[in-house]
Amino acid sequence: MKNILRFALVLVAALTIQINTSSAQTPLTIAVDFTVTDVEGNTFSLFDILDNDNQYVLIDFFFVN
């Protein structure tokens, strides 16, 4: 019984991931510019960071309820 439940859970997760990735707002090869402000009040723009050579951007969408 546990194996059937585990299989069903994996199947639902796989279908959910497939549905979410197929409905992206833009193609995954195009970055959209956005601006964020950190907890210290510093403002960052994605394209400003990408304009500098040899820099990488890691975007972490973290939230707490």
C-alpha atoms as a PDB file:
ATOM      1  CA  MET A   1       0.000   0.000   0.000  1.00  0.00           C
ATOM      2  CA  LYS A   2       2.863   2.393   0.811  1.00  0.00           C
ATOM      3  CA  ASN A   3       4.414   1.775  -2.614  1.00  0.00           C
ATOM      4  CA  ILE A   4       1.156   2.648  -4.384  1.00  0.00           C
ATOM      5  CA  LEU A   5       0.807   5.846  -2.366  1.00  0.00           C
ATOM      6  CA  ARG A   6       4.437   6.747  -3.025  1.00  0.00           C
ATOM      7  CA  PHE A   7       3.997   6.112  -6.780  1.00  0.00           C
ATOM      8  CA  ALA A   8       0.849   8.258  -6.898  1.00  0.00           C
ATOM      9  CA  LEU A   9       2.618  11.094  -5.074  1.00  0.00           C
ATOM     10  CA  VAL A  10       5.574  10.993  -7.485  1.00  0.00           C
ATOM     11  CA  LEU A  11       3.191  10.899 -10.468  1.00  0.00           C
ATOM     12  CA  VAL A  12       1.266  13.948  -9.237  1.00  0.00           C
ATOM     13  CA  ALA A  13       4.519  15.835  -8.590  1.00  0.00           C
ATOM     14  CA  ALA A  14       5.835  14.998 -12.064  1.00  0.00           C
ATOM     15  CA  LEU A  15       2.624  16.176 -13.730  1.00  0.00           C
ATOM     16  CA  THR A  16       2.613  19.386 -11.691  1.00  0.00           C
ATOM     17  CA  ILE A  17       6.207  20.183 -12.661  1.00  0.00           C
ATOM     18  CA  GLN A  18       5.422  19.554 -16.341  1.00  0.00           C
ATOM     19  CA  ILE A  19       2.371  21.832 -16.220  1.00  0.00           C
ATOM     20  CA  ASN A  20       4.230  24.652 -14.437  1.00  0.00           C
ATOM     21  CA  THR A  21       7.230  24.674 -16.796  1.00  0.00           C
ATOM     22  CA  SER A  22       5.095  24.640 -19.930  1.00  0.00           C
ATOM     23  CA  SER A  23       3.234  27.812 -18.965  1.00  0.00           C
ATOM     24  CA  ALA A  24       6.177  30.159 -18.440  1.00  0.00           C
ATOM     25  CA  GLN A  25       5.537  33.842 -19.125  1.00  0.00           C
ATOM     26  CA  THR A  26       8.605  34.079 -21.386  1.00  0.00           C
ATOM     27  CA  PRO A  27      10.885  31.518 -22.994  1.00  0.00           C
ATOM     28  CA  LEU A  28      13.390  30.237 -20.464  1.00  0.00           C
ATOM     29  CA  THR A  29      16.254  31.730 -22.496  1.00  0.00           C
ATOM     30  CA  ILE A  30      15.076  35.330 -22.034  1.00  0.00           C
ATOM     31  CA  ALA A  31      15.624  37.234 -18.796  1.00  0.00           C
ATOM     32  CA  VAL A  32      13.189  39.980 -17.838  1.00  0.00           C
ATOM     33  CA  ASP A  33      14.663  43.045 -16.134  1.00  0.00           C
ATOM     34  CA  PHE A  34      13.427  43.717 -12.610  1.00  0.00           C
ATOM     35  CA  THR A  35      14.509  45.787  -9.628  1.00  0.00           C
ATOM     36  CA  VAL A  36      14.529  44.647  -6.002  1.00  0.00           C
ATOM     37  CA  THR A  37      15.353  46.289  -2.686  1.00  0.00           C
ATOM     38  CA  ASP A  38      17.092  44.295   0.040  1.00  0.00           C
ATOM     39  CA  VAL A  39      16.443  44.550   3.778  1.00  0.00           C
ATOM     40  CA  GLU A  40      19.102  47.262   4.130  1.00  0.00           C
ATOM     41  CA  GLY A  41      17.468  49.508   1.506  1.00  0.00           C
ATOM     42  CA  ASN A  42      19.960  48.806  -1.318  1.00  0.00           C
ATOM     43  CA  THR A  43      18.359  48.643  -4.767  1.00  0.00           C
ATOM     44  CA  PHE A  44      19.518  46.126  -7.379  1.00  0.00           C
ATOM     45  CA  SER A  45      18.558  45.829 -11.042  1.00  0.00           C
ATOM     46  CA  LEU A  46      19.147  42.561 -12.887  1.00  0.00           C
ATOM     47  CA  PHE A  47      20.366  44.137 -16.116  1.00  0.00           C
ATOM     48  CA  ASP A  48      22.754  46.463 -14.248  1.00  0.00           C
ATOM     49  CA  ILE A  49      24.424  43.451 -12.660  1.00  0.00           C
ATOM     50  CA  LEU A  50      24.504  41.503 -15.941  1.00  0.00           C
ATOM     51  CA  ASP A  51      26.156  44.460 -17.742  1.00  0.00           C
ATOM     52  CA  ASN A  52      29.298  43.938 -15.630  1.00  0.00           C
ATOM     53  CA  ASP A  53      31.643  41.320 -17.103  1.00  0.00           C
ATOM     54  CA  ASN A  54      32.327  38.017 -15.332  1.00  0.00           C
ATOM     55  CA  GLN A  55      29.461  38.273 -12.841  1.00  0.00           C
ATOM     56  CA  TYR A  56      26.818  35.670 -12.181  1.00  0.00           C
ATOM     57  CA  VAL A  57      23.348  36.162 -10.745  1.00  0.00           C
ATOM     58  CA  LEU A  58      21.703  33.670  -8.403  1.00  0.00           C
ATOM     59  CA  ILE A  59      18.039  34.404  -7.745  1.00  0.00           C
ATOM     60  CA  ASP A  60      16.656  32.836  -4.583  1.00  0.00           C
ATOM     61  CA  PHE A  61      12.908  33.231  -4.071  1.00  0.00           C
ATOM     62  CA  PHE A  62      12.681  32.698  -0.313  1.00  0.00           C
ATOM     63  CA  PHE A  63       9.657  33.547   1.776  1.00  0.00           C
ATOM     64  CA  VAL A  64       8.306  32.861   5.229  1.00  0.00           C
ATOM     65  CA  ASN A  65       4.641  32.627   6.159  1.00  0.00           C
END
